[in-house]
């Protein structure tokens, strides 16, 4: 006849089981949603407008890029940093204060991809 597990072994067994469950479920998290700044790149010229107390960034998707009022100098997960054209002013905008990133194409996407 088998002896039941000793009381001192239950914590060890439960820790091992919890560890195995954690390993089995690791890596199955849903992918992160795309960032608000996915259409922006460092060095890219942008416009900056304030609408209803929030900021709206504008981008013209043309090549070569047109010099606009600001240039993107840093893109972080929680903020974006812009320099004005003169280089005298740097603006750090939290991502919670940005309402939209508007990308303006000169020609429709289908025509741009298949000229």
PDB file of N, CA and C in Angstrom:
ATOM      1  N   UNK A   1       0.838  -1.161   0.000  1.00  0.00           N
ATOM      2  CA  UNK A   1       0.000   0.000   0.000  1.00  0.00           C
ATOM      3  C   UNK A   1       0.894   1.240   0.000  1.00  0.00           C
ATOM      4  N   UNK A   2       0.492   2.263  -0.806  1.00  0.00           N
ATOM      5  CA  UNK A   2       1.291   3.480  -0.894  1.00  0.00           C
ATOM      6  C   UNK A   2       0.983   4.394   0.274  1.00  0.00           C
ATOM      7  N   UNK A   3       2.036   5.060   0.706  1.00  0.00           N
ATOM      8  CA  UNK A   3       1.863   6.027   1.785  1.00  0.00           C
ATOM      9  C   UNK A   3       1.408   7.359   1.176  1.00  0.00           C
ATOM     10  N   UNK A   4       0.508   8.098   1.812  1.00  0.00           N
ATOM     11  CA  UNK A   4       0.131   9.427   1.312  1.00  0.00           C
ATOM     12  C   UNK A   4       1.316  10.378   1.428  1.00  0.00           C
ATOM     13  N   UNK A   5       1.290  11.430   0.609  1.00  0.00           N
ATOM     14  CA  UNK A   5       2.377  12.399   0.638  1.00  0.00           C
ATOM     15  C   UNK A   5       2.480  13.049   2.009  1.00  0.00           C
ATOM     16  N   UNK A   6       3.684  13.243   2.413  1.00  0.00           N
ATOM     17  CA  UNK A   6       3.949  13.889   3.684  1.00  0.00           C
ATOM     18  C   UNK A   6       3.476  15.335   3.603  1.00  0.00           C
ATOM     19  N   UNK A   7       3.028  15.914   4.707  1.00  0.00           N
ATOM     20  CA  UNK A   7       2.542  17.285   4.724  1.00  0.00           C
ATOM     21  C   UNK A   7       3.617  18.281   4.297  1.00  0.00           C
ATOM     22  N   UNK A   8       4.865  17.949   4.523  1.00  0.00           N
ATOM     23  CA  UNK A   8       5.931  18.880   4.150  1.00  0.00           C
ATOM     24  C   UNK A   8       6.191  18.883   2.643  1.00  0.00           C
ATOM     25  N   UNK A   9       5.679  17.908   1.907  1.00  0.00           N
ATOM     26  CA  UNK A   9       5.899  17.852   0.457  1.00  0.00           C
ATOM     27  C   UNK A   9       4.824  18.594  -0.334  1.00  0.00           C
ATOM     28  N   UNK A  10       3.681  18.855   0.227  1.00  0.00           N
ATOM     29  CA  UNK A  10       2.609  19.538  -0.494  1.00  0.00           C
ATOM     30  C   UNK A  10       3.029  20.914  -1.008  1.00  0.00           C
ATOM     31  N   UNK A  11       3.710  21.738  -0.231  1.00  0.00           N
ATOM     32  CA  UNK A  11       4.126  23.041  -0.785  1.00  0.00           C
ATOM     33  C   UNK A  11       5.063  22.886  -1.978  1.00  0.00           C
ATOM     34  N   UNK A  12       5.948  21.919  -1.932  1.00  0.00           N
ATOM     35  CA  UNK A  12       6.885  21.712  -3.037  1.00  0.00           C
ATOM     36  C   UNK A  12       6.138  21.248  -4.279  1.00  0.00           C
ATOM     37  N   UNK A  13       5.227  20.314  -4.107  1.00  0.00           N
ATOM     38  CA  UNK A  13       4.446  19.796  -5.233  1.00  0.00           C
ATOM     39  C   UNK A  13       3.595  20.907  -5.848  1.00  0.00           C
ATOM     40  N   UNK A  14       2.974  21.724  -5.016  1.00  0.00           N
ATOM     41  CA  UNK A  14       2.129  22.801  -5.539  1.00  0.00           C
ATOM     42  C   UNK A  14       2.960  23.853  -6.263  1.00  0.00           C
ATOM     43  N   UNK A  15       4.144  24.167  -5.788  1.00  0.00           N
ATOM     44  CA  UNK A  15       5.012  25.131  -6.462  1.00  0.00           C
ATOM     45  C   UNK A  15       5.446  24.585  -7.820  1.00  0.00           C
ATOM     46  N   UNK A  16       5.795  23.314  -7.875  1.00  0.00           N
ATOM     47  CA  UNK A  16       6.193  22.702  -9.145  1.00  0.00           C
ATOM     48  C   UNK A  16       5.025  22.716 -10.131  1.00  0.00           C
ATOM     49  N   UNK A  17       3.828  22.399  -9.672  1.00  0.00           N
ATOM     50  CA  UNK A  17       2.663  22.420 -10.551  1.00  0.00           C
ATOM     51  C   UNK A  17       2.366  23.829 -11.067  1.00  0.00           C
ATOM     52  N   UNK A  18       2.445  24.811 -10.202  1.00  0.00           N
ATOM     53  CA  UNK A  18       2.229  26.193 -10.627  1.00  0.00           C
ATOM     54  C   UNK A  18       3.279  26.627 -11.642  1.00  0.00           C
ATOM     55  N   UNK A  19       4.517  26.207 -11.431  1.00  0.00           N
ATOM     56  CA  UNK A  19       5.572  26.524 -12.384  1.00  0.00           C
ATOM     57  C   UNK A  19       5.326  25.901 -13.742  1.00  0.00           C
ATOM     58  N   UNK A  20       4.868  24.652 -13.770  1.00  0.00           N
ATOM     59  CA  UNK A  20       4.558  23.985 -15.030  1.00  0.00           C
ATOM     60  C   UNK A  20       3.394  24.660 -15.754  1.00  0.00           C
ATOM     61  N   UNK A  21       2.395  25.085 -15.022  1.00  0.00           N
ATOM     62  CA  UNK A  21       1.263  25.802 -15.625  1.00  0.00           C
ATOM     63  C   UNK A  21       1.727  27.135 -16.199  1.00  0.00           C
ATOM     64  N   UNK A  22       2.587  27.839 -15.475  1.00  0.00           N
ATOM     65  CA  UNK A  22       3.101  29.127 -15.961  1.00  0.00           C
ATOM     66  C   UNK A  22       3.919  28.931 -17.234  1.00  0.00           C
ATOM     67  N   UNK A  23       4.735  27.886 -17.297  1.00  0.00           N
ATOM     68  CA  UNK A  23       5.522  27.609 -18.499  1.00  0.00           C
ATOM     69  C   UNK A  23       4.635  27.227 -19.672  1.00  0.00           C
ATOM     70  N   UNK A  24       3.575  26.485 -19.402  1.00  0.00           N
ATOM     71  CA  UNK A  24       2.692  26.037 -20.469  1.00  0.00           C
ATOM     72  C   UNK A  24       1.921  27.195 -21.093  1.00  0.00           C
ATOM     73  N   UNK A  25       1.578  28.197 -20.294  1.00  0.00           N
ATOM     74  CA  UNK A  25       0.789  29.320 -20.807  1.00  0.00           C
ATOM     75  C   UNK A  25       1.635  30.514 -21.218  1.00  0.00           C
ATOM     76  N   UNK A  26       2.941  30.473 -21.001  1.00  0.00           N
ATOM     77  CA  UNK A  26       3.806  31.610 -21.351  1.00  0.00           C
ATOM     78  C   UNK A  26       3.896  31.742 -22.867  1.00  0.00           C
ATOM     79  N   UNK A  27       3.948  32.975 -23.336  1.00  0.00           N
ATOM     80  CA  UNK A  27       4.107  33.239 -24.755  1.00  0.00           C
ATOM     81  C   UNK A  27       2.812  33.222 -25.533  1.00  0.00           C
ATOM     82  N   UNK A  28       1.689  33.080 -24.879  1.00  0.00           N
ATOM     83  CA  UNK A  28       0.414  33.043 -25.566  1.00  0.00           C
ATOM     84  C   UNK A  28      -0.394  34.319 -25.337  1.00  0.00           C
ATOM     85  N   UNK A  29       0.279  35.405 -25.030  1.00  0.00           N
ATOM     86  CA  UNK A  29      -0.402  36.679 -24.829  1.00  0.00           C
ATOM     87  C   UNK A  29      -0.805  37.241 -26.189  1.00  0.00           C
ATOM     88  N   UNK A  30      -1.904  37.969 -26.264  1.00  0.00           N
ATOM     89  CA  UNK A  30      -2.304  38.553 -27.548  1.00  0.00           C
ATOM     90  C   UNK A  30      -1.285  39.598 -27.988  1.00  0.00           C
ATOM     91  N   UNK A  31      -1.119  39.789 -29.287  1.00  0.00           N
ATOM     92  CA  UNK A  31      -0.155  40.785 -29.752  1.00  0.00           C
ATOM     93  C   UNK A  31      -0.582  42.193 -29.349  1.00  0.00           C
ATOM     94  N   UNK A  32       0.402  43.044 -29.146  1.00  0.00           N
ATOM     95  CA  UNK A  32       0.117  44.428 -28.761  1.00  0.00           C
ATOM     96  C   UNK A  32      -0.525  45.165 -29.934  1.00  0.00           C
ATOM     97  N   UNK A  33      -1.462  46.066 -29.654  1.00  0.00           N
ATOM     98  CA  UNK A  33      -2.069  46.823 -30.749  1.00  0.00           C
ATOM     99  C   UNK A  33      -1.029  47.744 -31.380  1.00  0.00           C
ATOM    100  N   UNK A  34      -1.215  48.102 -32.632  1.00  0.00           N
ATOM    101  CA  UNK A  34      -0.242  48.987 -33.276  1.00  0.00           C
ATOM    102  C   UNK A  34      -0.204  50.351 -32.581  1.00  0.00           C
ATOM    103  N   UNK A  35       0.967  50.939 -32.567  1.00  0.00           N
ATOM    104  CA  UNK A  35       1.158  52.231 -31.921  1.00  0.00           C
ATOM    105  C   UNK A  35       0.450  53.328 -32.708  1.00  0.00           C
ATOM    106  N   UNK A  36       0.090  54.382 -32.003  1.00  0.00           N
ATOM    107  CA  UNK A  36      -0.499  55.552 -32.653  1.00  0.00           C
ATOM    108  C   UNK A  36       0.496  56.170 -33.630  1.00  0.00           C
ATOM    109  N   UNK A  37       1.784  56.007 -33.341  1.00  0.00           N
ATOM    110  CA  UNK A  37       2.827  56.635 -34.151  1.00  0.00           C
ATOM    111  C   UNK A  37       3.409  55.697 -35.207  1.00  0.00           C
ATOM    112  N   UNK A  38       2.670  54.682 -35.626  1.00  0.00           N
ATOM    113  CA  UNK A  38       3.190  53.683 -36.554  1.00  0.00           C
ATOM    114  C   UNK A  38       3.544  54.300 -37.919  1.00  0.00           C
ATOM    115  N   UNK A  39       2.883  55.359 -38.329  1.00  0.00           N
ATOM    116  CA  UNK A  39       3.143  55.991 -39.626  1.00  0.00           C
ATOM    117  C   UNK A  39       4.257  57.026 -39.565  1.00  0.00           C
ATOM    118  N   UNK A  40       4.850  57.233 -38.398  1.00  0.00           N
ATOM    119  CA  UNK A  40       5.885  58.254 -38.242  1.00  0.00           C
ATOM    120  C   UNK A  40       7.265  57.626 -38.141  1.00  0.00           C
ATOM    121  N   UNK A  41       8.282  58.406 -38.531  1.00  0.00           N
ATOM    122  CA  UNK A  41       9.677  57.962 -38.422  1.00  0.00           C
ATOM    123  C   UNK A  41      10.515  59.144 -37.960  1.00  0.00           C
ATOM    124  N   UNK A  42      11.619  58.858 -37.295  1.00  0.00           N
ATOM    125  CA  UNK A  42      12.524  59.915 -36.843  1.00  0.00           C
ATOM    126  C   UNK A  42      13.079  60.628 -38.075  1.00  0.00           C
ATOM    127  N   UNK A  43      13.074  61.963 -38.020  1.00  0.00           N
ATOM    128  CA  UNK A  43      13.550  62.773 -39.137  1.00  0.00           C
ATOM    129  C   UNK A  43      12.454  63.165 -40.107  1.00  0.00           C
ATOM    130  N   UNK A  44      11.260  62.645 -39.903  1.00  0.00           N
ATOM    131  CA  UNK A  44      10.149  62.924 -40.811  1.00  0.00           C
ATOM    132  C   UNK A  44       9.523  64.285 -40.503  1.00  0.00           C
ATOM    133  N   UNK A  45       9.259  65.098 -41.534  1.00  0.00           N
ATOM    134  CA  UNK A  45       8.579  66.373 -41.302  1.00  0.00           C
ATOM    135  C   UNK A  45       7.087  66.168 -41.059  1.00  0.00           C
ATOM    136  N   UNK A  46       6.537  66.923 -40.113  1.00  0.00           N
ATOM    137  CA  UNK A  46       5.116  66.818 -39.765  1.00  0.00           C
ATOM    138  C   UNK A  46       4.543  68.212 -39.519  1.00  0.00           C
ATOM    139  N   UNK A  47       3.228  68.285 -39.549  1.00  0.00           N
ATOM    140  CA  UNK A  47       2.526  69.498 -39.128  1.00  0.00           C
ATOM    141  C   UNK A  47       1.942  69.223 -37.751  1.00  0.00           C
ATOM    142  N   UNK A  48       1.613  70.281 -37.042  1.00  0.00           N
ATOM    143  CA  UNK A  48       1.071  70.147 -35.693  1.00  0.00           C
ATOM    144  C   UNK A  48      -0.089  71.117 -35.543  1.00  0.00           C
ATOM    145  N   UNK A  49      -1.257  70.578 -35.229  1.00  0.00           N
ATOM    146  CA  UNK A  49      -2.459  71.385 -35.033  1.00  0.00           C
ATOM    147  C   UNK A  49      -3.088  70.997 -33.714  1.00  0.00           C
ATOM    148  N   UNK A  50      -3.725  71.985 -33.069  1.00  0.00           N
ATOM    149  CA  UNK A  50      -4.432  71.711 -31.824  1.00  0.00           C
ATOM    150  C   UNK A  50      -5.924  71.798 -32.092  1.00  0.00           C
ATOM    151  N   UNK A  51      -6.630  70.716 -31.759  1.00  0.00           N
ATOM    152  CA  UNK A  51      -8.068  70.644 -31.975  1.00  0.00           C
ATOM    153  C   UNK A  51      -8.725  70.133 -30.710  1.00  0.00           C
ATOM    154  N   UNK A  52      -9.615  70.923 -30.158  1.00  0.00           N
ATOM    155  CA  UNK A  52     -10.373  70.548 -28.953  1.00  0.00           C
ATOM    156  C   UNK A  52      -9.457  70.140 -27.809  1.00  0.00           C
ATOM    157  N   UNK A  53      -8.351  70.844 -27.640  1.00  0.00           N
ATOM    158  CA  UNK A  53      -7.446  70.598 -26.529  1.00  0.00           C
ATOM    159  C   UNK A  53      -6.503  69.425 -26.720  1.00  0.00           C
ATOM    160  N   UNK A  54      -6.522  68.799 -27.885  1.00  0.00           N
ATOM    161  CA  UNK A  54      -5.615  67.684 -28.161  1.00  0.00           C
ATOM    162  C   UNK A  54      -4.845  67.995 -29.437  1.00  0.00           C
ATOM    163  N   UNK A  55      -3.731  67.295 -29.629  1.00  0.00           N
ATOM    164  CA  UNK A  55      -2.856  67.550 -30.763  1.00  0.00           C
ATOM    165  C   UNK A  55      -3.144  66.589 -31.902  1.00  0.00           C
ATOM    166  N   UNK A  56      -3.010  67.126 -33.119  1.00  0.00           N
ATOM    167  CA  UNK A  56      -3.170  66.319 -34.323  1.00  0.00           C
ATOM    168  C   UNK A  56      -1.918  66.501 -35.163  1.00  0.00           C
ATOM    169  N   UNK A  57      -1.249  65.393 -35.485  1.00  0.00           N
ATOM    170  CA  UNK A  57      -0.042  65.429 -36.302  1.00  0.00           C
ATOM    171  C   UNK A  57      -0.417  65.117 -37.741  1.00  0.00           C
ATOM    172  N   UNK A  58       0.157  65.879 -38.678  1.00  0.00           N
ATOM    173  CA  UNK A  58      -0.118  65.656 -40.090  1.00  0.00           C
ATOM    174  C   UNK A  58       1.145  65.281 -40.838  1.00  0.00           C
ATOM    175  N   UNK A  59       1.011  64.352 -41.778  1.00  0.00           N
ATOM    176  CA  UNK A  59       2.134  63.862 -42.568  1.00  0.00           C
ATOM    177  C   UNK A  59       1.716  63.850 -44.026  1.00  0.00           C
ATOM    178  N   UNK A  60       2.613  64.284 -44.919  1.00  0.00           N
ATOM    179  CA  UNK A  60       2.386  64.160 -46.353  1.00  0.00           C
ATOM    180  C   UNK A  60       3.218  62.995 -46.857  1.00  0.00           C
ATOM    181  N   UNK A  61       2.557  61.989 -47.406  1.00  0.00           N
ATOM    182  CA  UNK A  61       3.245  60.788 -47.885  1.00  0.00           C
ATOM    183  C   UNK A  61       3.689  60.987 -49.332  1.00  0.00           C
ATOM    184  N   UNK A  62       4.730  61.794 -49.519  1.00  0.00           N
ATOM    185  CA  UNK A  62       5.285  62.003 -50.848  1.00  0.00           C
ATOM    186  C   UNK A  62       6.801  61.861 -50.766  1.00  0.00           C
ATOM    187  N   UNK A  63       7.399  61.599 -51.912  1.00  0.00           N
ATOM    188  CA  UNK A  63       8.852  61.447 -51.952  1.00  0.00           C
ATOM    189  C   UNK A  63       9.393  62.382 -53.016  1.00  0.00           C
ATOM    190  N   UNK A  64      10.288  63.253 -52.738  1.00  0.00           N
ATOM    191  CA  UNK A  64      10.976  63.526 -51.476  1.00  0.00           C
ATOM    192  C   UNK A  64      10.065  64.268 -50.502  1.00  0.00           C
ATOM    193  N   UNK A  65      10.323  64.132 -49.208  1.00  0.00           N
ATOM    194  CA  UNK A  65       9.468  64.774 -48.214  1.00  0.00           C
ATOM    195  C   UNK A  65       9.532  66.299 -48.293  1.00  0.00           C
ATOM    196  N   UNK A  66       8.409  66.918 -48.015  1.00  0.00           N
ATOM    197  CA  UNK A  66       8.293  68.373 -48.025  1.00  0.00           C
ATOM    198  C   UNK A  66       8.605  68.889 -46.629  1.00  0.00           C
ATOM    199  N   UNK A  67       9.369  69.973 -46.537  1.00  0.00           N
ATOM    200  CA  UNK A  67       9.676  70.575 -45.233  1.00  0.00           C
ATOM    201  C   UNK A  67       8.398  71.191 -44.671  1.00  0.00           C
ATOM    202  N   UNK A  68       8.005  70.732 -43.497  1.00  0.00           N
ATOM    203  CA  UNK A  68       6.820  71.248 -42.837  1.00  0.00           C
ATOM    204  C   UNK A  68       7.249  71.974 -41.569  1.00  0.00           C
ATOM    205  N   UNK A  69       6.330  72.280 -40.677  1.00  0.00           N
ATOM    206  CA  UNK A  69       6.638  73.077 -39.504  1.00  0.00           C
ATOM    207  C   UNK A  69       7.499  72.405 -38.449  1.00  0.00           C
ATOM    208  N   UNK A  70       7.463  71.077 -38.374  1.00  0.00           N
ATOM    209  CA  UNK A  70       8.172  70.358 -37.317  1.00  0.00           C
ATOM    210  C   UNK A  70       8.829  69.107 -37.889  1.00  0.00           C
ATOM    211  N   UNK A  71       9.817  68.598 -37.159  1.00  0.00           N
ATOM    212  CA  UNK A  71      10.494  67.356 -37.528  1.00  0.00           C
ATOM    213  C   UNK A  71      10.472  66.415 -36.323  1.00  0.00           C
ATOM    214  N   UNK A  72      10.173  65.158 -36.559  1.00  0.00           N
ATOM    215  CA  UNK A  72      10.152  64.153 -35.492  1.00  0.00           C
ATOM    216  C   UNK A  72      11.589  63.841 -35.089  1.00  0.00           C
ATOM    217  N   UNK A  73      11.911  64.005 -33.803  1.00  0.00           N
ATOM    218  CA  UNK A  73      13.265  63.699 -33.333  1.00  0.00           C
ATOM    219  C   UNK A  73      13.315  62.474 -32.429  1.00  0.00           C
ATOM    220  N   UNK A  74      12.183  62.096 -31.834  1.00  0.00           N
ATOM    221  CA  UNK A  74      12.156  60.899 -30.983  1.00  0.00           C
ATOM    222  C   UNK A  74      10.733  60.371 -30.921  1.00  0.00           C
ATOM    223  N   UNK A  75      10.599  59.047 -31.020  1.00  0.00           N
ATOM    224  CA  UNK A  75       9.296  58.398 -30.869  1.00  0.00           C
ATOM    225  C   UNK A  75       9.423  57.378 -29.748  1.00  0.00           C
ATOM    226  N   UNK A  76       8.688  57.606 -28.686  1.00  0.00           N
ATOM    227  CA  UNK A  76       8.700  56.685 -27.553  1.00  0.00           C
ATOM    228  C   UNK A  76       7.346  56.030 -27.394  1.00  0.00           C
ATOM    229  N   UNK A  77       7.234  55.071 -26.488  1.00  0.00           N
ATOM    230  CA  UNK A  77       5.945  54.407 -26.292  1.00  0.00           C
ATOM    231  C   UNK A  77       4.894  55.315 -25.656  1.00  0.00           C
ATOM    232  N   UNK A  78       5.348  56.344 -24.936  1.00  0.00           N
ATOM    233  CA  UNK A  78       4.397  57.198 -24.229  1.00  0.00           C
ATOM    234  C   UNK A  78       4.469  58.669 -24.636  1.00  0.00           C
ATOM    235  N   UNK A  79       5.370  59.026 -25.561  1.00  0.00           N
ATOM    236  CA  UNK A  79       5.490  60.428 -25.981  1.00  0.00           C
ATOM    237  C   UNK A  79       6.214  60.517 -27.319  1.00  0.00           C
ATOM    238  N   UNK A  80       6.072  61.671 -27.953  1.00  0.00           N
ATOM    239  CA  UNK A  80       6.782  61.966 -29.192  1.00  0.00           C
ATOM    240  C   UNK A  80       7.448  63.327 -29.021  1.00  0.00           C
ATOM    241  N   UNK A  81       8.639  63.494 -29.581  1.00  0.00           N
ATOM    242  CA  UNK A  81       9.378  64.756 -29.462  1.00  0.00           C
ATOM    243  C   UNK A  81       9.526  65.350 -30.855  1.00  0.00           C
ATOM    244  N   UNK A  82       9.174  66.631 -30.969  1.00  0.00           N
ATOM    245  CA  UNK A  82       9.253  67.353 -32.238  1.00  0.00           C
ATOM    246  C   UNK A  82      10.154  68.563 -32.088  1.00  0.00           C
ATOM    247  N   UNK A  83      10.925  68.886 -33.128  1.00  0.00           N
ATOM    248  CA  UNK A  83      11.695  70.129 -33.206  1.00  0.00           C
ATOM    249  C   UNK A  83      11.056  71.000 -34.267  1.00  0.00           C
ATOM    250  N   UNK A  84      10.964  72.319 -33.988  1.00  0.00           N
ATOM    251  CA  UNK A  84      10.429  73.199 -35.018  1.00  0.00           C
ATOM    252  C   UNK A  84      11.482  73.418 -36.101  1.00  0.00           C
ATOM    253  N   UNK A  85      11.062  74.021 -37.209  1.00  0.00           N
ATOM    254  CA  UNK A  85      11.942  74.185 -38.368  1.00  0.00           C
ATOM    255  C   UNK A  85      13.183  74.996 -38.024  1.00  0.00           C
ATOM    256  N   UNK A  86      13.050  75.998 -37.159  1.00  0.00           N
ATOM    257  CA  UNK A  86      14.190  76.833 -36.804  1.00  0.00           C
ATOM    258  C   UNK A  86      15.167  76.109 -35.881  1.00  0.00           C
ATOM    259  N   UNK A  87      14.728  75.050 -35.230  1.00  0.00           N
ATOM    260  CA  UNK A  87      15.584  74.320 -34.307  1.00  0.00           C
ATOM    261  C   UNK A  87      15.680  74.960 -32.935  1.00  0.00           C
ATOM    262  N   UNK A  88      14.900  76.010 -32.700  1.00  0.00           N
ATOM    263  CA  UNK A  88      14.950  76.708 -31.412  1.00  0.00           C
ATOM    264  C   UNK A  88      14.005  76.116 -30.378  1.00  0.00           C
ATOM    265  N   UNK A  89      12.961  75.456 -30.838  1.00  0.00           N
ATOM    266  CA  UNK A  89      11.939  74.973 -29.915  1.00  0.00           C
ATOM    267  C   UNK A  89      11.780  73.468 -30.058  1.00  0.00           C
ATOM    268  N   UNK A  90      11.752  72.776 -28.916  1.00  0.00           N
ATOM    269  CA  UNK A  90      11.515  71.339 -28.901  1.00  0.00           C
ATOM    270  C   UNK A  90      10.240  71.086 -28.110  1.00  0.00           C
ATOM    271  N   UNK A  91       9.353  70.271 -28.680  1.00  0.00           N
ATOM    272  CA  UNK A  91       8.064  69.995 -28.056  1.00  0.00           C
ATOM    273  C   UNK A  91       7.977  68.508 -27.746  1.00  0.00           C
ATOM    274  N   UNK A  92       7.663  68.194 -26.500  1.00  0.00           N
ATOM    275  CA  UNK A  92       7.451  66.799 -26.083  1.00  0.00           C
ATOM    276  C   UNK A  92       5.956  66.648 -25.811  1.00  0.00           C
ATOM    277  N   UNK A  93       5.319  65.781 -26.591  1.00  0.00           N
ATOM    278  CA  UNK A  93       3.874  65.608 -26.490  1.00  0.00           C
ATOM    279  C   UNK A  93       3.574  64.189 -25.997  1.00  0.00           C
ATOM    280  N   UNK A  94       2.865  64.046 -24.878  1.00  0.00           N
ATOM    281  CA  UNK A  94       2.477  62.704 -24.423  1.00  0.00           C
ATOM    282  C   UNK A  94       1.512  62.068 -25.428  1.00  0.00           C
ATOM    283  N   UNK A  95       1.593  60.772 -25.588  1.00  0.00           N
ATOM    284  CA  UNK A  95       0.729  60.095 -26.564  1.00  0.00           C
ATOM    285  C   UNK A  95      -0.746  60.220 -26.180  1.00  0.00           C
ATOM    286  N   UNK A  96      -1.030  60.417 -24.898  1.00  0.00           N
ATOM    287  CA  UNK A  96      -2.423  60.601 -24.485  1.00  0.00           C
ATOM    288  C   UNK A  96      -2.985  61.944 -24.937  1.00  0.00           C
ATOM    289  N   UNK A  97      -2.115  62.885 -25.324  1.00  0.00           N
ATOM    290  CA  UNK A  97      -2.570  64.193 -25.772  1.00  0.00           C
ATOM    291  C   UNK A  97      -2.693  64.274 -27.294  1.00  0.00           C
ATOM    292  N   UNK A  98      -2.385  63.187 -27.998  1.00  0.00           N
ATOM    293  CA  UNK A  98      -2.484  63.174 -29.464  1.00  0.00           C
ATOM    294  C   UNK A  98      -3.807  62.532 -29.849  1.00  0.00           C
ATOM    295  N   UNK A  99      -4.609  63.269 -30.610  1.00  0.00           N
ATOM    296  CA  UNK A  99      -5.904  62.722 -31.022  1.00  0.00           C
ATOM    297  C   UNK A  99      -5.790  61.904 -32.294  1.00  0.00           C
ATOM    298  N   UNK A 100      -4.877  62.287 -33.207  1.00  0.00           N
ATOM    299  CA  UNK A 100      -4.774  61.562 -34.475  1.00  0.00           C
ATOM    300  C   UNK A 100      -3.461  61.863 -35.163  1.00  0.00           C
ATOM    301  N   UNK A 101      -3.062  60.927 -36.014  1.00  0.00           N
ATOM    302  CA  UNK A 101      -1.963  61.139 -36.954  1.00  0.00           C
ATOM    303  C   UNK A 101      -2.596  61.024 -38.329  1.00  0.00           C
ATOM    304  N   UNK A 102      -2.643  62.143 -39.052  1.00  0.00           N
ATOM    305  CA  UNK A 102      -3.318  62.193 -40.345  1.00  0.00           C
ATOM    306  C   UNK A 102      -2.270  62.081 -41.449  1.00  0.00           C
ATOM    307  N   UNK A 103      -2.392  61.050 -42.293  1.00  0.00           N
ATOM    308  CA  UNK A 103      -1.478  60.837 -43.412  1.00  0.00           C
ATOM    309  C   UNK A 103      -2.201  61.252 -44.680  1.00  0.00           C
ATOM    310  N   UNK A 104      -1.658  62.258 -45.369  1.00  0.00           N
ATOM    311  CA  UNK A 104      -2.245  62.744 -46.613  1.00  0.00           C
ATOM    312  C   UNK A 104      -1.420  62.231 -47.781  1.00  0.00           C
ATOM    313  N   UNK A 105      -2.075  61.503 -48.674  1.00  0.00           N
ATOM    314  CA  UNK A 105      -1.410  60.993 -49.863  1.00  0.00           C
ATOM    315  C   UNK A 105      -1.735  61.895 -51.037  1.00  0.00           C
ATOM    316  N   UNK A 106      -0.747  62.143 -51.887  1.00  0.00           N
ATOM    317  CA  UNK A 106      -0.942  63.000 -53.050  1.00  0.00           C
ATOM    318  C   UNK A 106      -1.777  62.265 -54.095  1.00  0.00           C
ATOM    319  N   UNK A 107      -1.593  60.965 -54.199  1.00  0.00           N
ATOM    320  CA  UNK A 107      -2.410  60.151 -55.091  1.00  0.00           C
ATOM    321  C   UNK A 107      -2.942  58.963 -54.303  1.00  0.00           C
ATOM    322  N   UNK A 108      -4.055  58.376 -54.721  1.00  0.00           N
ATOM    323  CA  UNK A 108      -4.599  57.230 -53.987  1.00  0.00           C
ATOM    324  C   UNK A 108      -3.586  56.106 -53.875  1.00  0.00           C
ATOM    325  N   UNK A 109      -3.724  55.320 -52.824  1.00  0.00           N
ATOM    326  CA  UNK A 109      -2.770  54.247 -52.538  1.00  0.00           C
ATOM    327  C   UNK A 109      -2.652  53.281 -53.710  1.00  0.00           C
ATOM    328  N   UNK A 110      -3.738  52.901 -54.363  1.00  0.00           N
ATOM    329  CA  UNK A 110      -3.688  51.946 -55.475  1.00  0.00           C
ATOM    330  C   UNK A 110      -2.845  52.486 -56.612  1.00  0.00           C
ATOM    331  N   UNK A 111      -2.943  53.791 -56.911  1.00  0.00           N
ATOM    332  CA  UNK A 111      -2.154  54.382 -57.992  1.00  0.00           C
ATOM    333  C   UNK A 111      -0.694  54.498 -57.587  1.00  0.00           C
ATOM    334  N   UNK A 112      -0.421  54.751 -56.306  1.00  0.00           N
ATOM    335  CA  UNK A 112       0.955  54.884 -55.837  1.00  0.00           C
ATOM    336  C   UNK A 112       1.681  53.552 -55.909  1.00  0.00           C
ATOM    337  N   UNK A 113       0.971  52.442 -55.643  1.00  0.00           N
ATOM    338  CA  UNK A 113       1.605  51.130 -55.658  1.00  0.00           C
ATOM    339  C   UNK A 113       1.717  50.573 -57.072  1.00  0.00           C
ATOM    340  N   UNK A 114       0.777  50.936 -57.956  1.00  0.00           N
ATOM    341  CA  UNK A 114       0.774  50.431 -59.344  1.00  0.00           C
ATOM    342  C   UNK A 114       0.744  51.597 -60.313  1.00  0.00           C
ATOM    343  N   UNK A 115       1.869  52.273 -60.549  1.00  0.00           N
ATOM    344  CA  UNK A 115       1.843  53.454 -61.432  1.00  0.00           C
ATOM    345  C   UNK A 115       1.578  53.100 -62.862  1.00  0.00           C
TER     346      UNK A 115
END
